[in-house]
Amino acid sequence: MNIEALIASAADQGASDLHLEPGLPPAFRVRGQLKIAGKTVDNQALATDAKAILGESHWNQFLERGSFDLSRSIQGIRCRLNILRTARGIGFAIRLFNSFEASLRRLNLHPELKSLIHNQHGLVVISGPTGSGKSSTLAALIHEINLTEARHIVTVESPIEYRFRPRHSYIRQREVGRDTPSFQQALIDSLREDPDVIMVGEMRDPETIRLTLNAAETGHLVFVTVHSSNTTEAIQRIVSAFPAESQNGICAQLADCLVGVVAQRLRYREDIKQRIPECEILRSSNAVKAHLHSGDFYKLKSALEMGAEHGMWTFDRYARWLSQKKEFYTTEQARNEISTEEEEPEREPLESVPSSGPPKKTFIPRSTDRPHSPSSLAPGKDPIEIEPGLSELGRILRPNSPEKS
């Protein structure tokens, strides 16, 4: 089976991830469990697919550093691909994303999370371990803004995982390594671009965290993700990224700009045969601000447990709410609700962005009108795709392209 067929098979099984390694059978992560099945994968076939997907310029970068991250729509399924060199040859780690627009209802999240988007400025942190659905929750919050408010939203991601269709909001998505050389440069740029909302895919280093906090303090609503198992740990990880002499200042910044922290994990529900997010929600109350100012992180747990009136949720209380919930949005409903409208065009660059200097501006259109073959995944070989006219803004933003016959 080629990579397209394997991705289609993974989607049919409800897998969140697909792993391909030369000399081993494909591995599918289904409901958190790894399932290995099928014939062994050939190294030459994987190398051919990798080269076709990356194109000549990205292939050279891959050979130089031994890995490459990108996102693509393959067989109509949005995927994040990590292509890596291993002891056996060239392997793939592929994350499959929902084929529907993420929203709080569709992800079975508590409506209380919607209150996080009503702030005009501040910092919202989405945390959790790898594979816990942080990106989906982040996309759902951005989508809720897009559905209801006219705001200018700038996202900085590596790579872009969910593509947003502008509804009421004006949305710009930038991919690190393609549209901008780094998270830091994109954040510096964004402050000159008149944004209302900034989404940062991940805070990975002290400089990115510092710029993110500055943006949240200067009148922007900023959404970020952090790897952690609970809300207190998320705060500690942000602060501990800085040297000891700087941490008091970071604590003060967090106390002033924090809107809320959401920690989530996925819990399998036997009754609906799928995993549901289970959350811990810490909101910025007077008690939380006082503990942040003083650096007393161990006191945040008690503030969380006593903060129900401020919209806070412990994992235990959230689990009780889930146990009483009668209706859940299922993947079967998602399939039935998928729009027959075409997706808006995803434009891939002809050349990669160098590590410094402005990104190149030559783009080619991509299409999902026909099934992809490995050769069709190479840059420059797809016909023009028509953007759907879903709103007045969508019609304004529609690029000039020939109409379908």
Protein backbone atom coordinates (compact mmCIF):
# COMPACT_ATOMS: atom_id res chain seq x y z
CA MET A 1 0.00 0.00 0.00
CA ASN A 2 1.26 3.50 -0.80
CA ILE A 3 1.23 6.34 1.71
CA GLU A 4 -2.12 7.67 0.48
CA ALA A 5 -3.83 4.33 0.98
CA LEU A 6 -2.27 3.99 4.43
CA ILE A 7 -3.52 7.43 5.46
CA ALA A 8 -7.00 6.58 4.17
CA SER A 9 -6.87 3.31 6.12
CA ALA A 10 -5.79 5.16 9.27
CA ALA A 11 -8.71 7.57 8.90
CA ASP A 12 -11.17 4.69 8.42
CA GLN A 13 -9.93 3.12 11.66
CA GLY A 14 -10.28 6.40 13.54
CA ALA A 15 -6.53 6.59 14.13
CA SER A 16 -4.96 9.79 15.40
CA ASP A 17 -1.45 8.87 14.25
CA LEU A 18 0.24 6.70 11.64
CA HIS A 19 3.85 5.52 11.95
CA LEU A 20 5.82 4.13 9.02
CA GLU A 21 9.28 2.61 9.37
CA PRO A 22 11.27 0.62 6.77
CA GLY A 23 11.17 -3.11 7.43
CA LEU A 24 8.28 -2.84 9.92
CA PRO A 25 4.49 -3.03 9.46
CA PRO A 26 2.48 0.21 9.70
CA ALA A 27 1.50 1.25 13.24
CA PHE A 28 -1.82 3.01 13.90
CA ARG A 29 -2.63 4.81 17.16
CA VAL A 30 -6.33 4.19 17.74
CA ARG A 31 -7.97 5.59 20.89
CA GLY A 32 -4.54 6.00 22.43
CA GLN A 33 -3.43 2.42 21.79
CA LEU A 34 -0.81 1.45 19.21
CA LYS A 35 -1.96 -1.24 16.75
CA ILE A 36 0.52 -2.84 14.38
CA ALA A 37 -0.86 -4.56 11.29
CA GLY A 38 -0.17 -5.18 7.62
CA LYS A 39 2.83 -5.97 5.50
CA THR A 40 6.27 -4.53 6.16
CA VAL A 41 6.96 -1.17 4.55
CA ASP A 42 9.66 -0.88 1.89
CA ASN A 43 12.45 1.64 2.44
CA GLN A 44 12.68 2.62 -1.22
CA ALA A 45 8.94 3.28 -1.42
CA LEU A 46 9.08 5.53 1.65
CA ALA A 47 12.10 7.39 0.29
CA THR A 48 10.29 7.96 -3.02
CA ASP A 49 7.18 9.25 -1.24
CA ALA A 50 9.26 11.49 1.02
CA LYS A 51 11.09 13.06 -1.91
CA ALA A 52 7.82 13.61 -3.81
CA ILE A 53 6.15 15.23 -0.80
CA LEU A 54 9.10 17.46 0.09
CA GLY A 55 10.12 18.58 -3.39
CA GLU A 56 13.70 19.24 -4.44
CA SER A 57 14.51 22.22 -2.17
CA HIS A 58 12.96 20.76 0.99
CA TRP A 59 14.57 17.41 0.18
CA ASN A 60 18.00 19.03 0.38
CA GLN A 61 17.12 20.51 3.78
CA PHE A 62 15.93 17.10 4.95
CA LEU A 63 19.20 15.48 3.89
CA GLU A 64 21.12 18.16 5.76
CA ARG A 65 19.33 17.93 9.13
CA GLY A 66 17.76 14.46 9.04
CA SER A 67 14.13 15.51 9.63
CA PHE A 68 11.45 17.82 8.28
CA ASP A 69 8.03 18.98 9.56
CA LEU A 70 5.19 20.05 7.29
CA SER A 71 1.43 19.80 6.93
CA ARG A 72 -0.57 18.68 3.90
CA SER A 73 -4.03 17.59 2.85
CA ILE A 74 -3.72 14.04 1.54
CA GLN A 75 -6.79 12.12 0.34
CA GLY A 76 -8.85 15.01 1.72
CA ILE A 77 -7.39 14.48 5.22
CA ARG A 78 -5.41 17.23 6.90
CA CYS A 79 -2.12 15.75 8.17
CA ARG A 80 0.96 16.92 10.02
CA LEU A 81 3.97 14.98 8.80
CA ASN A 82 7.33 14.50 10.45
CA ILE A 83 9.69 12.85 8.00
CA LEU A 84 12.80 11.53 9.71
CA ARG A 85 15.96 9.58 9.01
CA THR A 86 16.35 6.48 11.19
CA ALA A 87 18.74 3.52 11.50
CA ARG A 88 16.56 1.62 9.00
CA GLY A 89 16.13 4.40 6.45
CA ILE A 90 13.44 7.07 6.09
CA GLY A 91 10.41 6.98 8.37
CA PHE A 92 7.16 8.92 8.77
CA ALA A 93 5.25 10.05 11.87
CA ILE A 94 1.89 11.35 10.66
CA ARG A 95 -0.77 13.06 12.77
CA LEU A 96 -4.30 13.01 11.30
CA PHE A 97 -6.58 15.93 12.10
CA ASN A 98 -10.34 16.17 12.21
CA SER A 99 -11.93 16.62 8.80
CA PHE A 100 -14.46 19.06 10.29
CA GLU A 101 -14.05 22.58 11.63
CA ALA A 102 -13.21 22.27 15.32
CA SER A 103 -15.65 23.91 17.75
CA LEU A 104 -16.34 23.50 21.45
CA ARG A 105 -19.52 21.54 20.71
CA ARG A 106 -17.88 19.21 18.21
CA LEU A 107 -14.99 18.50 20.58
CA ASN A 108 -17.42 17.89 23.48
CA LEU A 109 -15.80 20.64 25.55
CA HIS A 110 -17.58 22.52 28.33
CA PRO A 111 -19.32 25.74 27.17
CA GLU A 112 -17.50 27.53 30.03
CA LEU A 113 -14.40 27.63 27.82
CA LYS A 114 -16.17 30.12 25.55
CA SER A 115 -15.76 32.77 28.26
CA LEU A 116 -12.02 32.72 27.53
CA ILE A 117 -12.54 34.38 24.14
CA HIS A 118 -14.60 37.30 25.47
CA ASN A 119 -11.53 39.14 26.77
CA GLN A 120 -10.04 41.86 24.61
CA HIS A 121 -6.50 41.22 25.82
CA GLY A 122 -4.52 38.81 27.97
CA LEU A 123 -2.98 35.34 27.83
CA VAL A 124 -4.83 32.03 27.41
CA VAL A 125 -2.72 28.88 27.85
CA ILE A 126 -3.82 25.46 26.55
CA SER A 127 -1.74 22.68 28.08
CA GLY A 128 -1.53 18.92 28.17
CA PRO A 129 0.75 16.04 27.23
CA THR A 130 1.59 15.19 23.62
CA GLY A 131 -1.45 13.88 21.75
CA SER A 132 -4.00 15.25 24.22
CA GLY A 133 -5.80 17.45 21.67
CA LYS A 134 -4.25 20.85 22.52
CA SER A 135 -4.17 21.95 18.88
CA SER A 136 -7.82 21.01 18.38
CA THR A 137 -8.93 22.96 21.46
CA LEU A 138 -6.87 25.94 20.35
CA ALA A 139 -8.46 25.75 16.89
CA ALA A 140 -11.93 25.51 18.47
CA LEU A 141 -11.41 28.72 20.46
CA ILE A 142 -10.16 30.58 17.38
CA HIS A 143 -13.12 29.22 15.41
CA GLU A 144 -15.56 30.46 18.06
CA ILE A 145 -14.13 33.98 17.68
CA ASN A 146 -14.30 33.65 13.90
CA LEU A 147 -17.99 32.70 14.04
CA THR A 148 -19.10 35.62 16.19
CA GLU A 149 -16.70 38.58 16.12
CA ALA A 150 -14.97 40.81 13.59
CA ARG A 151 -11.39 40.60 14.83
CA HIS A 152 -8.02 40.49 13.09
CA ILE A 153 -6.45 37.12 13.96
CA VAL A 154 -2.80 36.26 13.25
CA THR A 155 -1.58 32.71 13.84
CA VAL A 156 2.04 31.57 14.06
CA GLU A 157 2.41 27.81 13.71
CA SER A 158 5.01 25.16 12.93
CA PRO A 159 3.50 23.69 10.85
CA ILE A 160 -0.05 24.94 10.18
CA GLU A 161 -2.39 22.21 11.39
CA TYR A 162 -5.91 23.60 10.95
CA ARG A 163 -6.74 25.97 8.13
CA PHE A 164 -9.31 28.61 9.11
CA ARG A 165 -11.91 29.96 6.70
CA PRO A 166 -12.58 33.65 7.40
CA ARG A 167 -16.20 34.14 8.50
CA HIS A 168 -16.62 37.28 10.61
CA SER A 169 -12.92 37.62 11.42
CA TYR A 170 -9.97 38.52 9.20
CA ILE A 171 -7.46 35.67 9.57
CA ARG A 172 -3.80 35.44 8.58
CA GLN A 173 -1.92 32.18 9.13
CA ARG A 174 1.89 32.10 9.06
CA GLU A 175 4.02 28.98 9.07
CA VAL A 176 7.47 29.07 10.67
CA GLY A 177 10.11 28.05 8.16
CA ARG A 178 7.85 28.87 5.22
CA ASP A 179 6.35 32.32 5.78
CA THR A 180 8.65 33.52 8.57
CA PRO A 181 12.08 32.34 9.74
CA SER A 182 11.16 31.94 13.44
CA PHE A 183 8.48 32.32 16.10
CA GLN A 184 10.35 35.32 17.46
CA GLN A 185 10.40 37.16 14.14
CA ALA A 186 6.73 36.40 13.54
CA LEU A 187 5.79 37.79 16.98
CA ILE A 188 7.83 40.94 16.40
CA ASP A 189 6.16 41.34 13.00
CA SER A 190 2.68 40.71 14.41
CA LEU A 191 2.85 43.71 16.72
CA ARG A 192 3.13 45.89 13.61
CA GLU A 193 0.23 44.18 11.84
CA ASP A 194 -2.69 45.58 13.90
CA PRO A 195 -3.88 42.22 15.31
CA ASP A 196 -6.64 41.76 17.86
CA VAL A 197 -5.85 38.08 18.47
CA ILE A 198 -2.53 36.25 18.18
CA MET A 199 -2.25 32.47 18.25
CA VAL A 200 1.19 30.97 18.95
CA GLY A 201 1.39 27.26 18.17
CA GLU A 202 3.91 26.54 20.91
CA MET A 203 6.14 28.51 23.27
CA ARG A 204 9.47 26.73 22.92
CA ASP A 205 12.12 29.10 24.29
CA PRO A 206 12.49 32.07 26.67
CA GLU A 207 12.54 34.69 23.91
CA THR A 208 9.28 33.43 22.40
CA ILE A 209 7.70 33.38 25.89
CA ARG A 210 8.92 36.91 26.60
CA LEU A 211 7.52 38.26 23.34
CA THR A 212 4.25 36.40 23.92
CA LEU A 213 3.83 37.93 27.39
CA ASN A 214 4.64 41.38 26.01
CA ALA A 215 1.96 40.95 23.33
CA ALA A 216 -0.60 39.89 25.96
CA GLU A 217 0.27 42.95 28.06
CA THR A 218 -0.04 45.42 25.21
CA GLY A 219 -3.71 44.98 24.32
CA HIS A 220 -3.81 41.68 22.42
CA LEU A 221 -5.61 38.44 23.23
CA VAL A 222 -2.94 35.75 22.90
CA PHE A 223 -3.50 31.97 22.75
CA VAL A 224 -0.58 29.57 23.29
CA THR A 225 0.09 25.89 24.01
CA VAL A 226 2.43 24.36 26.58
CA HIS A 227 3.29 20.74 27.32
CA SER A 228 2.25 19.94 30.90
CA SER A 229 0.00 17.58 32.84
CA ASN A 230 -1.94 20.21 34.83
CA THR A 231 -2.51 23.96 35.07
CA THR A 232 -0.03 24.60 37.88
CA GLU A 233 2.71 22.76 36.01
CA ALA A 234 1.96 24.86 32.90
CA ILE A 235 2.56 28.07 34.89
CA GLN A 236 5.73 26.64 36.43
CA ARG A 237 7.11 25.63 33.05
CA ILE A 238 6.63 29.14 31.70
CA VAL A 239 8.40 30.73 34.67
CA SER A 240 11.18 28.13 34.94
CA ALA A 241 12.19 28.75 31.32
CA PHE A 242 13.91 31.92 32.58
CA PRO A 243 16.97 32.31 34.84
CA ALA A 244 16.28 32.73 38.55
CA GLU A 245 17.01 36.47 38.53
CA SER A 246 14.28 37.06 35.91
CA GLN A 247 11.54 34.87 37.37
CA ASN A 248 10.02 37.47 39.71
CA GLY A 249 9.42 39.76 36.74
CA ILE A 250 7.85 36.93 34.72
CA CYS A 251 5.57 36.06 37.67
CA ALA A 252 4.44 39.69 37.80
CA GLN A 253 3.75 39.72 34.06
CA LEU A 254 1.71 36.52 34.31
CA ALA A 255 -0.28 37.90 37.24
CA ASP A 256 -1.13 41.00 35.23
CA CYS A 257 -2.04 39.40 31.90
CA LEU A 258 -3.21 35.82 32.55
CA VAL A 259 -6.80 35.13 31.50
CA GLY A 260 -6.82 31.39 32.11
CA VAL A 261 -5.04 28.06 31.78
CA VAL A 262 -6.70 24.92 30.43
CA ALA A 263 -5.03 21.55 31.02
CA GLN A 264 -6.59 18.60 29.24
CA ARG A 265 -6.25 14.88 28.78
CA LEU A 266 -8.26 12.43 26.71
CA ARG A 267 -10.50 9.84 28.36
CA TYR A 268 -12.00 6.92 26.43
CA ARG A 269 -15.79 6.56 26.63
CA GLU A 270 -17.00 3.03 26.05
CA ASP A 271 -20.59 4.17 25.41
CA ILE A 272 -19.67 6.24 22.34
CA LYS A 273 -16.44 4.38 21.40
CA GLN A 274 -14.25 7.47 21.31
CA ARG A 275 -12.04 9.67 23.49
CA ILE A 276 -13.37 12.85 25.11
CA PRO A 277 -11.31 15.77 26.50
CA GLU A 278 -11.24 15.97 30.29
CA CYS A 279 -10.14 19.40 31.50
CA GLU A 280 -8.79 21.36 34.42
CA ILE A 281 -9.50 25.10 34.11
CA LEU A 282 -7.67 27.76 36.12
CA ARG A 283 -9.01 31.31 35.80
CA SER A 284 -7.39 34.57 36.87
CA SER A 285 -8.98 35.52 40.22
CA ASN A 286 -7.62 37.82 42.92
CA ALA A 287 -6.29 34.80 44.81
CA VAL A 288 -4.56 33.40 41.70
CA LYS A 289 -3.00 36.80 40.92
CA ALA A 290 -1.70 37.08 44.49
CA HIS A 291 -0.12 33.61 44.34
CA LEU A 292 1.48 34.40 40.97
CA HIS A 293 2.92 37.69 42.23
CA SER A 294 4.49 35.95 45.22
CA GLY A 295 5.60 32.89 43.23
CA ASP A 296 3.65 30.56 45.55
CA PHE A 297 2.68 28.06 42.86
CA TYR A 298 1.83 25.35 45.39
CA LYS A 299 -1.11 27.50 46.54
CA LEU A 300 -2.68 27.53 43.08
CA LYS A 301 -4.20 24.08 43.67
CA SER A 302 -6.25 25.31 46.64
CA ALA A 303 -7.32 28.42 44.68
CA LEU A 304 -8.42 26.11 41.86
CA GLU A 305 -10.41 23.85 44.20
CA MET A 306 -12.19 26.83 45.78
CA GLY A 307 -12.68 28.80 42.56
CA ALA A 308 -15.87 27.29 41.13
CA GLU A 309 -17.65 30.66 41.34
CA HIS A 310 -14.90 32.12 39.12
CA GLY A 311 -15.39 29.46 36.42
CA MET A 312 -12.62 27.12 37.61
CA TRP A 313 -12.79 23.35 37.20
CA THR A 314 -10.73 20.58 38.77
CA PHE A 315 -10.28 17.34 36.82
CA ASP A 316 -12.57 15.54 39.30
CA ARG A 317 -15.40 18.07 39.02
CA TYR A 318 -15.07 18.13 35.23
CA ALA A 319 -15.24 14.31 35.16
CA ARG A 320 -18.48 14.44 37.19
CA TRP A 321 -19.91 16.90 34.65
CA LEU A 322 -18.97 14.52 31.82
CA SER A 323 -20.61 11.60 33.63
CA GLN A 324 -23.88 13.56 33.75
CA LYS A 325 -23.67 14.75 30.14
CA LYS A 326 -26.31 13.03 28.01
CA GLU A 327 -25.40 13.99 24.46
CA PHE A 328 -22.00 13.74 22.82
CA TYR A 329 -20.86 14.78 19.38
CA THR A 330 -19.53 11.64 17.65
CA THR A 331 -17.21 11.07 14.73
CA GLU A 332 -20.16 9.61 12.82
CA GLN A 333 -22.01 12.92 13.17
CA ALA A 334 -18.86 14.67 11.98
CA ARG A 335 -18.76 12.61 8.81
CA ASN A 336 -22.42 13.40 8.13
CA GLU A 337 -21.87 17.13 8.62
CA ILE A 338 -18.79 17.49 6.44
CA SER A 339 -19.55 20.23 3.93
CA THR A 340 -19.60 19.45 0.26
CA GLU A 341 -18.05 22.87 -0.32
CA GLU A 342 -14.48 22.90 -1.57
CA GLU A 343 -11.78 23.85 0.91
CA GLU A 344 -10.03 27.17 0.50
CA PRO A 345 -6.73 26.89 -1.38
CA GLU A 346 -3.58 25.95 0.43
CA ARG A 347 -0.61 27.56 -1.23
CA GLU A 348 2.77 25.95 -0.95
CA PRO A 349 5.99 27.87 -1.66
CA LEU A 350 8.27 26.95 -4.50
CA GLU A 351 11.27 27.44 -2.24
CA SER A 352 11.78 27.15 1.49
CA VAL A 353 12.38 30.21 3.63
CA PRO A 354 16.04 30.66 4.57
CA SER A 355 17.02 30.84 8.22
CA SER A 356 17.37 34.61 7.98
CA GLY A 357 15.95 37.31 5.75
CA PRO A 358 12.43 37.74 4.40
CA PRO A 359 10.46 34.73 3.14
CA LYS A 360 10.13 34.19 -0.59
CA LYS A 361 6.75 35.19 -1.96
CA THR A 362 6.34 32.82 -4.89
CA PHE A 363 3.44 30.46 -4.27
CA ILE A 364 1.66 27.77 -6.23
CA PRO A 365 -1.95 26.67 -5.73
CA ARG A 366 -2.76 23.17 -4.50
CA SER A 367 -5.93 21.22 -5.09
CA THR A 368 -8.01 18.56 -3.41
CA ASP A 369 -10.17 18.08 -6.52
CA ARG A 370 -8.55 14.77 -7.36
CA PRO A 371 -6.80 12.03 -5.41
CA HIS A 372 -3.12 12.68 -4.78
CA SER A 373 -0.46 10.34 -5.97
CA PRO A 374 3.10 10.68 -4.64
CA SER A 375 4.12 12.52 -7.80
CA SER A 376 1.18 14.90 -7.45
CA LEU A 377 2.38 15.92 -4.01
CA ALA A 378 5.45 17.58 -5.45
CA PRO A 379 5.23 21.38 -5.72
CA GLY A 380 3.96 22.78 -8.98
CA LYS A 381 1.76 19.92 -10.22
CA ASP A 382 -1.74 20.68 -8.95
CA PRO A 383 -4.46 22.65 -10.78
CA ILE A 384 -5.91 25.86 -9.35
CA GLU A 385 -8.38 25.39 -6.52
CA ILE A 386 -11.43 27.62 -6.04
CA GLU A 387 -12.04 29.14 -2.62
CA PRO A 388 -15.58 28.62 -1.24
CA GLY A 389 -17.79 31.69 -0.95
CA LEU A 390 -18.98 31.09 2.61
CA SER A 391 -19.41 34.72 3.61
CA GLU A 392 -19.08 38.28 2.41
CA LEU A 393 -15.49 38.28 3.62
CA GLY A 394 -14.89 35.00 1.82
CA ARG A 395 -16.13 36.52 -1.43
CA ILE A 396 -13.92 39.56 -0.94
CA LEU A 397 -10.89 37.38 -0.31
CA ARG A 398 -11.57 35.02 -3.25
CA PRO A 399 -8.44 34.96 -5.47
CA ASN A 400 -8.67 35.47 -9.20
CA SER A 401 -8.85 32.05 -10.78
CA PRO A 402 -10.57 30.49 -13.77
CA GLU A 403 -14.09 29.21 -13.15
CA LYS A 404 -14.86 25.54 -13.43
CA SER A 405 -16.26 24.38 -16.68
